[in-house]
């Protein structure tokens, strides 16, 4: 039986949509095939959002196990979860089933997913090496992610036409007209540092590097509001 939806159809509807740099060069290379598969099997965007979250739970379980083979598997599952996270939006646009409820469900699970993954990384590696630095730096990592997302949310509420982004999700880092989305960037970084078995360095980077990002968000927001509180 001929499939109703194809990866070429996904490419066509996604062509004009602004896409984060890593998502465009990593996630989208695979997500279009999964999206067409999910559409032909009758899955809803919310089904795929939930599937992405379940894969992230599996990744967290492997991170908790702590040893190298398991964290590599966890890193691959984290990337797969991120790819599925791209699929839910593609599926919504492909089938015309986009909804505010779906975007809310996606946003809620994304927040839980990031905290869960970094928390399981820190706990698993702490149990593996008995090094409290994992627990210290994961606190700052999760705090930074919270600040980025909270400030983004305030920008969407108070500056909805700020030009920050053309999509529903706001970019966290803009470089020469391109931007890096938070969830896809984190997923690739987790996989890379899992492969080289240097997850402490990942937590240190995530504890320091995002600080100028959310400070810059505050600066840009105040500038657009004319510096008025």
Protein backbone atom coordinates (compact mmCIF):
# COMPACT_ATOMS: atom_id res chain seq x y z
CA UNK A 1 0.00 0.00 0.00
CA UNK A 2 1.32 3.42 -0.96
CA UNK A 3 2.19 5.67 1.96
CA UNK A 4 0.07 8.82 2.24
CA UNK A 5 2.87 10.93 3.69
CA UNK A 6 6.53 11.06 2.59
CA UNK A 7 9.75 12.66 3.83
CA UNK A 8 9.67 14.91 0.75
CA UNK A 9 6.33 16.30 1.95
CA UNK A 10 7.90 17.06 5.32
CA UNK A 11 10.80 18.85 3.60
CA UNK A 12 8.36 20.97 1.61
CA UNK A 13 6.36 22.22 4.59
CA UNK A 14 9.51 22.84 6.66
CA UNK A 15 11.44 24.71 3.96
CA UNK A 16 10.15 28.18 4.84
CA UNK A 17 10.21 27.69 8.61
CA UNK A 18 13.12 29.21 10.57
CA UNK A 19 15.12 26.36 12.10
CA UNK A 20 17.87 26.37 14.72
CA UNK A 21 21.35 25.65 13.36
CA UNK A 22 21.95 22.30 15.07
CA UNK A 23 18.38 21.16 14.50
CA UNK A 24 18.75 21.94 10.80
CA UNK A 25 22.02 20.06 10.37
CA UNK A 26 21.44 17.18 12.80
CA UNK A 27 17.84 16.60 13.86
CA UNK A 28 16.13 17.46 10.58
CA UNK A 29 18.31 15.03 8.61
CA UNK A 30 16.54 12.18 10.42
CA UNK A 31 13.31 13.62 11.78
CA UNK A 32 11.61 13.91 8.38
CA UNK A 33 11.72 10.12 7.94
CA UNK A 34 10.35 9.50 11.43
CA UNK A 35 7.68 12.17 10.93
CA UNK A 36 6.43 10.56 7.72
CA UNK A 37 6.44 7.16 9.46
CA UNK A 38 4.48 8.48 12.46
CA UNK A 39 1.96 10.25 10.19
CA UNK A 40 1.34 7.11 8.18
CA UNK A 41 0.76 5.14 11.38
CA UNK A 42 -1.83 7.62 12.62
CA UNK A 43 0.11 8.97 15.61
CA UNK A 44 -0.83 12.43 16.87
CA UNK A 45 1.72 15.18 17.64
CA UNK A 46 1.01 14.68 21.35
CA UNK A 47 1.74 10.95 20.97
CA UNK A 48 5.16 11.79 19.53
CA UNK A 49 5.83 14.39 22.24
CA UNK A 50 5.10 11.72 24.85
CA UNK A 51 7.28 9.20 22.99
CA UNK A 52 10.15 11.71 23.01
CA UNK A 53 9.74 12.06 26.77
CA UNK A 54 9.69 8.29 27.31
CA UNK A 55 12.95 7.96 25.36
CA UNK A 56 14.44 10.67 27.59
CA UNK A 57 13.35 8.67 30.66
CA UNK A 58 15.18 5.64 29.23
CA UNK A 59 18.26 7.82 28.63
CA UNK A 60 18.12 9.03 32.25
CA UNK A 61 17.96 5.44 33.51
CA UNK A 62 21.12 4.60 31.56
CA UNK A 63 22.86 7.74 32.86
CA UNK A 64 22.06 6.65 36.42
CA UNK A 65 23.85 3.34 35.77
CA UNK A 66 26.99 5.42 35.43
CA UNK A 67 29.51 3.30 33.52
CA UNK A 68 30.90 4.28 30.12
CA UNK A 69 28.91 1.89 27.90
CA UNK A 70 25.66 2.93 29.55
CA UNK A 71 26.35 6.67 29.27
CA UNK A 72 27.12 6.29 25.55
CA UNK A 73 23.79 4.49 25.09
CA UNK A 74 22.18 7.26 27.15
CA UNK A 75 23.79 9.91 24.93
CA UNK A 76 22.42 8.26 21.80
CA UNK A 77 18.96 7.99 23.37
CA UNK A 78 19.15 11.68 24.32
CA UNK A 79 19.80 12.60 20.69
CA UNK A 80 16.95 10.31 19.57
CA UNK A 81 14.64 12.03 22.05
CA UNK A 82 15.66 15.40 20.59
CA UNK A 83 14.97 14.15 17.06
CA UNK A 84 11.51 12.99 18.13
CA UNK A 85 11.07 16.43 19.73
CA UNK A 86 11.49 17.89 16.23
CA UNK A 87 9.02 15.36 14.85
CA UNK A 88 6.03 16.48 16.92
CA UNK A 89 6.05 19.98 15.40
CA UNK A 90 6.67 18.64 11.92
CA UNK A 91 3.82 16.17 12.35
CA UNK A 92 1.48 18.93 13.53
CA UNK A 93 2.24 21.05 10.48
CA UNK A 94 2.11 18.08 8.10
CA UNK A 95 -1.30 16.86 9.29
CA UNK A 96 -2.77 20.24 10.25
CA UNK A 97 -3.16 19.19 13.88
CA UNK A 98 -1.27 22.03 15.54
CA UNK A 99 -2.83 23.23 18.79
CA UNK A 100 -2.10 25.45 21.79
CA UNK A 101 -2.56 22.41 24.04
CA UNK A 102 0.06 20.51 22.05
CA UNK A 103 2.57 23.35 22.35
CA UNK A 104 1.88 23.54 26.09
CA UNK A 105 2.40 19.77 26.50
CA UNK A 106 5.63 19.96 24.50
CA UNK A 107 6.90 22.87 26.60
CA UNK A 108 6.09 21.21 29.93
CA UNK A 109 7.80 17.94 29.01
CA UNK A 110 10.83 19.80 27.60
CA UNK A 111 11.37 21.53 30.94
CA UNK A 112 11.09 18.25 32.87
CA UNK A 113 13.26 16.44 30.33
CA UNK A 114 16.25 18.80 30.62
CA UNK A 115 16.25 18.78 34.42
CA UNK A 116 15.80 15.01 34.49
CA UNK A 117 18.68 14.36 32.09
CA UNK A 118 21.17 16.63 33.82
CA UNK A 119 20.08 15.38 37.24
CA UNK A 120 20.58 11.74 36.23
CA UNK A 121 23.99 12.57 34.71
CA UNK A 122 25.14 14.18 37.95
CA UNK A 123 23.80 11.44 40.23
CA UNK A 124 25.13 8.61 38.04
CA UNK A 125 28.61 10.11 37.81
CA UNK A 126 28.66 11.01 41.50
CA UNK A 127 27.93 7.38 42.34
CA UNK A 128 30.59 6.28 39.85
CA UNK A 129 33.42 8.58 41.00
CA UNK A 130 32.22 9.78 44.44
CA UNK A 131 33.01 13.33 43.32
CA UNK A 132 30.70 16.02 44.80
CA UNK A 133 31.63 18.45 42.00
CA UNK A 134 29.02 16.73 39.82
CA UNK A 135 26.30 17.69 42.29
CA UNK A 136 27.61 21.24 42.69
CA UNK A 137 27.85 22.00 38.97
CA UNK A 138 24.51 20.38 38.11
CA UNK A 139 22.86 22.85 40.48
CA UNK A 140 24.30 25.77 38.51
CA UNK A 141 23.51 24.04 35.22
CA UNK A 142 19.82 23.62 36.05
CA UNK A 143 19.68 27.16 37.46
CA UNK A 144 21.07 28.59 34.22
CA UNK A 145 18.59 26.64 32.13
CA UNK A 146 15.78 27.88 34.37
CA UNK A 147 16.89 31.51 33.95
CA UNK A 148 17.09 31.18 30.15
CA UNK A 149 13.63 29.65 29.89
CA UNK A 150 12.04 32.00 32.41
CA UNK A 151 13.43 35.11 30.69
CA UNK A 152 12.36 33.75 27.30
CA UNK A 153 8.87 33.26 28.68
CA UNK A 154 8.75 36.84 29.96
CA UNK A 155 9.94 38.11 26.57
CA UNK A 156 7.12 36.21 24.86
CA UNK A 157 4.56 37.71 27.27
CA UNK A 158 5.72 41.31 27.36
CA UNK A 159 7.54 41.61 24.01
CA UNK A 160 5.65 39.25 21.69
CA UNK A 161 6.68 41.22 18.58
CA UNK A 162 10.28 41.81 19.58
CA UNK A 163 11.67 40.11 16.48
CA UNK A 164 13.44 37.64 18.78
CA UNK A 165 12.19 34.81 16.58
CA UNK A 166 9.63 34.02 13.93
CA UNK A 167 8.61 30.77 15.57
CA UNK A 168 6.92 29.78 18.79
CA UNK A 169 10.16 29.03 20.58
CA UNK A 170 12.69 31.80 21.09
CA UNK A 171 16.36 31.33 20.19
CA UNK A 172 18.80 31.48 23.08
CA UNK A 173 21.94 32.35 21.09
CA UNK A 174 22.16 34.23 17.80
CA UNK A 175 25.39 34.09 15.75
CA UNK A 176 25.58 35.87 12.37
CA UNK A 177 21.85 35.56 11.78
CA UNK A 178 21.69 31.91 12.83
CA UNK A 179 20.46 30.70 16.18
CA UNK A 180 20.96 27.76 18.51
CA UNK A 181 17.89 26.18 20.10
CA UNK A 182 18.30 25.04 23.69
CA UNK A 183 17.05 21.44 23.62
CA UNK A 184 18.81 20.35 20.40
CA UNK A 185 22.10 22.03 21.40
CA UNK A 186 22.01 20.37 24.82
CA UNK A 187 21.29 16.96 23.27
CA UNK A 188 24.28 17.12 20.93
CA UNK A 189 26.57 18.34 23.72
CA UNK A 190 25.43 15.52 26.00
CA UNK A 191 26.21 12.93 23.31
CA UNK A 192 29.63 14.42 22.51
CA UNK A 193 30.76 14.56 26.14
CA UNK A 194 29.31 11.11 26.83
CA UNK A 195 31.38 9.69 23.97
CA UNK A 196 34.60 11.17 25.36
CA UNK A 197 33.54 10.30 28.95
CA UNK A 198 33.92 13.88 30.19
CA UNK A 199 30.50 14.69 31.62
CA UNK A 200 31.96 16.79 34.42
CA UNK A 201 33.40 19.16 31.81
CA UNK A 202 29.94 19.34 30.24
CA UNK A 203 28.42 20.37 33.58
CA UNK A 204 31.15 22.97 34.13
CA UNK A 205 30.52 24.43 30.65
CA UNK A 206 26.76 24.48 31.26
CA UNK A 207 27.37 26.19 34.62
CA UNK A 208 29.37 29.05 33.07
CA UNK A 209 28.59 29.53 29.38
CA UNK A 210 24.81 30.26 29.67
CA UNK A 211 25.34 33.12 32.15
CA UNK A 212 26.20 35.76 29.49
CA UNK A 213 23.30 34.43 27.39
CA UNK A 214 20.59 35.17 29.95
CA UNK A 215 22.29 38.40 30.99
CA UNK A 216 22.20 39.44 27.33
CA UNK A 217 18.51 38.50 27.17
CA UNK A 218 17.85 40.85 30.09
CA UNK A 219 19.85 43.63 28.42
CA UNK A 220 18.01 43.24 25.12
CA UNK A 221 14.65 43.11 26.82
CA UNK A 222 15.32 46.30 28.78
CA UNK A 223 16.60 48.02 25.64
CA UNK A 224 13.38 47.21 23.77
CA UNK A 225 11.29 48.50 26.63
CA UNK A 226 13.34 51.70 26.71
CA UNK A 227 14.99 50.74 29.97
CA UNK A 228 11.73 51.07 31.87
CA UNK A 229 11.00 48.53 34.59
